[in-house]
Amino acid sequence: MKGRLRKVLADSHVAAVTIAVLLMWMLDATFRGLWDPAYDLGAFVFTGIAIWDIPYIPPTLMVADRLMLITTGYFVYSAVVCFLAAWFL
């Protein structure tokens, strides 16, 4: 039974489709996780170019910055888990 099930799974390409889906999820999580920091960096650079000076950065982390760090960490963690699952499969 074990050999037969393995052959059925190999013939149906379930593993290949699963790996493709996991890699797509990994790319999605990577882009979602890096979007907010890249957007803030772009806004900082464009503001600096627009005013021809260094933009003001508040000395404390605001609630929005903390939430951005939490969501970025979650998406990076999700991307790593999806990549490892695809690798192990």
C-alpha atoms as a PDB file:
ATOM      1  CA  MET A   1       0.000   0.000   0.000  1.00  0.00           C
ATOM      2  CA  LYS A   2       2.824   2.377   0.844  1.00  0.00           C
ATOM      3  CA  GLY A   3       4.515   1.995  -2.530  1.00  0.00           C
ATOM      4  CA  ARG A   4       1.209   2.323  -4.362  1.00  0.00           C
ATOM      5  CA  LEU A   5       0.275   5.556  -2.567  1.00  0.00           C
ATOM      6  CA  ARG A   6       3.689   7.019  -3.319  1.00  0.00           C
ATOM      7  CA  LYS A   7       3.281   6.163  -7.002  1.00  0.00           C
ATOM      8  CA  VAL A   8      -0.210   7.690  -7.147  1.00  0.00           C
ATOM      9  CA  LEU A   9       1.084  10.913  -5.566  1.00  0.00           C
ATOM     10  CA  ALA A  10       4.037  11.024  -7.952  1.00  0.00           C
ATOM     11  CA  ASP A  11       1.802  10.473 -10.971  1.00  0.00           C
ATOM     12  CA  SER A  12      -0.733  13.106  -9.915  1.00  0.00           C
ATOM     13  CA  HIS A  13       1.897  15.851  -9.455  1.00  0.00           C
ATOM     14  CA  VAL A  14       0.438  16.851  -6.085  1.00  0.00           C
ATOM     15  CA  ALA A  15       3.878  17.612  -4.666  1.00  0.00           C
ATOM     16  CA  ALA A  16       4.811  19.862  -7.598  1.00  0.00           C
ATOM     17  CA  VAL A  17       1.592  21.846  -7.320  1.00  0.00           C
ATOM     18  CA  THR A  18       2.015  22.118  -3.549  1.00  0.00           C
ATOM     19  CA  ILE A  19       5.584  23.370  -3.913  1.00  0.00           C
ATOM     20  CA  ALA A  20       4.461  25.932  -6.508  1.00  0.00           C
ATOM     21  CA  VAL A  21       1.674  27.182  -4.219  1.00  0.00           C
ATOM     22  CA  LEU A  22       4.033  27.418  -1.233  1.00  0.00           C
ATOM     23  CA  LEU A  23       6.575  29.371  -3.284  1.00  0.00           C
ATOM     24  CA  MET A  24       3.840  31.753  -4.475  1.00  0.00           C
ATOM     25  CA  TRP A  25       2.771  32.281  -0.862  1.00  0.00           C
ATOM     26  CA  MET A  26       6.405  32.911   0.050  1.00  0.00           C
ATOM     27  CA  LEU A  27       6.745  35.576  -2.644  1.00  0.00           C
ATOM     28  CA  ASP A  28       3.466  37.178  -1.596  1.00  0.00           C
ATOM     29  CA  ALA A  29       4.507  37.309   2.060  1.00  0.00           C
ATOM     30  CA  THR A  30       7.938  38.681   1.122  1.00  0.00           C
ATOM     31  CA  PHE A  31       6.489  41.509  -0.945  1.00  0.00           C
ATOM     32  CA  ARG A  32       3.857  42.318   1.678  1.00  0.00           C
ATOM     33  CA  GLY A  33       6.469  42.306   4.431  1.00  0.00           C
ATOM     34  CA  LEU A  34       8.892  44.576   2.604  1.00  0.00           C
ATOM     35  CA  TRP A  35       6.307  46.960   1.140  1.00  0.00           C
ATOM     36  CA  ASP A  36       5.859  49.178   4.230  1.00  0.00           C
ATOM     37  CA  PRO A  37       9.577  49.648   4.989  1.00  0.00           C
ATOM     38  CA  ALA A  38      10.318  50.270   1.291  1.00  0.00           C
ATOM     39  CA  TYR A  39       7.477  52.784   1.106  1.00  0.00           C
ATOM     40  CA  ASP A  40       8.747  54.639   4.192  1.00  0.00           C
ATOM     41  CA  LEU A  41      12.296  54.646   2.814  1.00  0.00           C
ATOM     42  CA  GLY A  42      11.050  55.991  -0.516  1.00  0.00           C
ATOM     43  CA  ALA A  43       9.011  58.697   1.201  1.00  0.00           C
ATOM     44  CA  PHE A  44      12.063  59.668   3.272  1.00  0.00           C
ATOM     45  CA  VAL A  45      14.302  59.886   0.193  1.00  0.00           C
ATOM     46  CA  PHE A  46      11.779  61.791  -1.921  1.00  0.00           C
ATOM     47  CA  THR A  47      11.059  64.195   0.937  1.00  0.00           C
ATOM     48  CA  GLY A  48      14.775  64.791   1.351  1.00  0.00           C
ATOM     49  CA  ILE A  49      15.120  65.494  -2.356  1.00  0.00           C
ATOM     50  CA  ALA A  50      12.064  67.776  -2.371  1.00  0.00           C
ATOM     51  CA  ILE A  51      13.203  69.944   0.540  1.00  0.00           C
ATOM     52  CA  TRP A  52      16.947  69.678  -0.199  1.00  0.00           C
ATOM     53  CA  ASP A  53      17.658  68.751   3.413  1.00  0.00           C
ATOM     54  CA  ILE A  54      17.435  65.830   5.807  1.00  0.00           C
ATOM     55  CA  PRO A  55      13.796  65.192   6.794  1.00  0.00           C
ATOM     56  CA  TYR A  56      12.831  65.315  10.451  1.00  0.00           C
ATOM     57  CA  ILE A  57      12.573  61.931  12.162  1.00  0.00           C
ATOM     58  CA  PRO A  58      10.712  61.848  15.486  1.00  0.00           C
ATOM     59  CA  PRO A  59      12.875  60.459  18.310  1.00  0.00           C
ATOM     60  CA  THR A  60      10.283  57.918  19.483  1.00  0.00           C
ATOM     61  CA  LEU A  61       8.555  55.083  17.718  1.00  0.00           C
ATOM     62  CA  MET A  62       4.924  55.868  17.124  1.00  0.00           C
ATOM     63  CA  VAL A  63       2.125  53.312  17.203  1.00  0.00           C
ATOM     64  CA  ALA A  64       2.084  53.111  13.396  1.00  0.00           C
ATOM     65  CA  ASP A  65       5.815  52.305  13.354  1.00  0.00           C
ATOM     66  CA  ARG A  66       5.360  49.560  15.922  1.00  0.00           C
ATOM     67  CA  LEU A  67       2.488  48.057  13.959  1.00  0.00           C
ATOM     68  CA  MET A  68       4.586  48.206  10.798  1.00  0.00           C
ATOM     69  CA  LEU A  69       7.393  46.331  12.534  1.00  0.00           C
ATOM     70  CA  ILE A  70       4.971  43.711  13.844  1.00  0.00           C
ATOM     71  CA  THR A  71       3.361  43.133  10.450  1.00  0.00           C
ATOM     72  CA  THR A  72       6.731  43.081   8.707  1.00  0.00           C
ATOM     73  CA  GLY A  73       7.988  40.504  11.194  1.00  0.00           C
ATOM     74  CA  TYR A  74       4.872  38.393  10.711  1.00  0.00           C
ATOM     75  CA  PHE A  75       5.170  38.410   6.925  1.00  0.00           C
ATOM     76  CA  VAL A  76       8.899  37.647   7.013  1.00  0.00           C
ATOM     77  CA  TYR A  77       8.206  34.755   9.399  1.00  0.00           C
ATOM     78  CA  SER A  78       5.433  33.519   7.099  1.00  0.00           C
ATOM     79  CA  ALA A  79       7.731  33.722   4.068  1.00  0.00           C
ATOM     80  CA  VAL A  80      10.453  31.735   5.844  1.00  0.00           C
ATOM     81  CA  VAL A  81       7.967  29.068   6.954  1.00  0.00           C
ATOM     82  CA  CYS A  82       6.525  28.725   3.440  1.00  0.00           C
ATOM     83  CA  PHE A  83      10.016  28.463   1.944  1.00  0.00           C
ATOM     84  CA  LEU A  84      11.074  25.815   4.474  1.00  0.00           C
ATOM     85  CA  ALA A  85       7.870  23.842   3.882  1.00  0.00           C
ATOM     86  CA  ALA A  86       8.487  23.897   0.123  1.00  0.00           C
ATOM     87  CA  TRP A  87      12.119  22.919   0.682  1.00  0.00           C
ATOM     88  CA  PHE A  88      11.245  19.976   2.908  1.00  0.00           C
ATOM     89  CA  LEU A  89       8.519  18.792   0.552  1.00  0.00           C
END
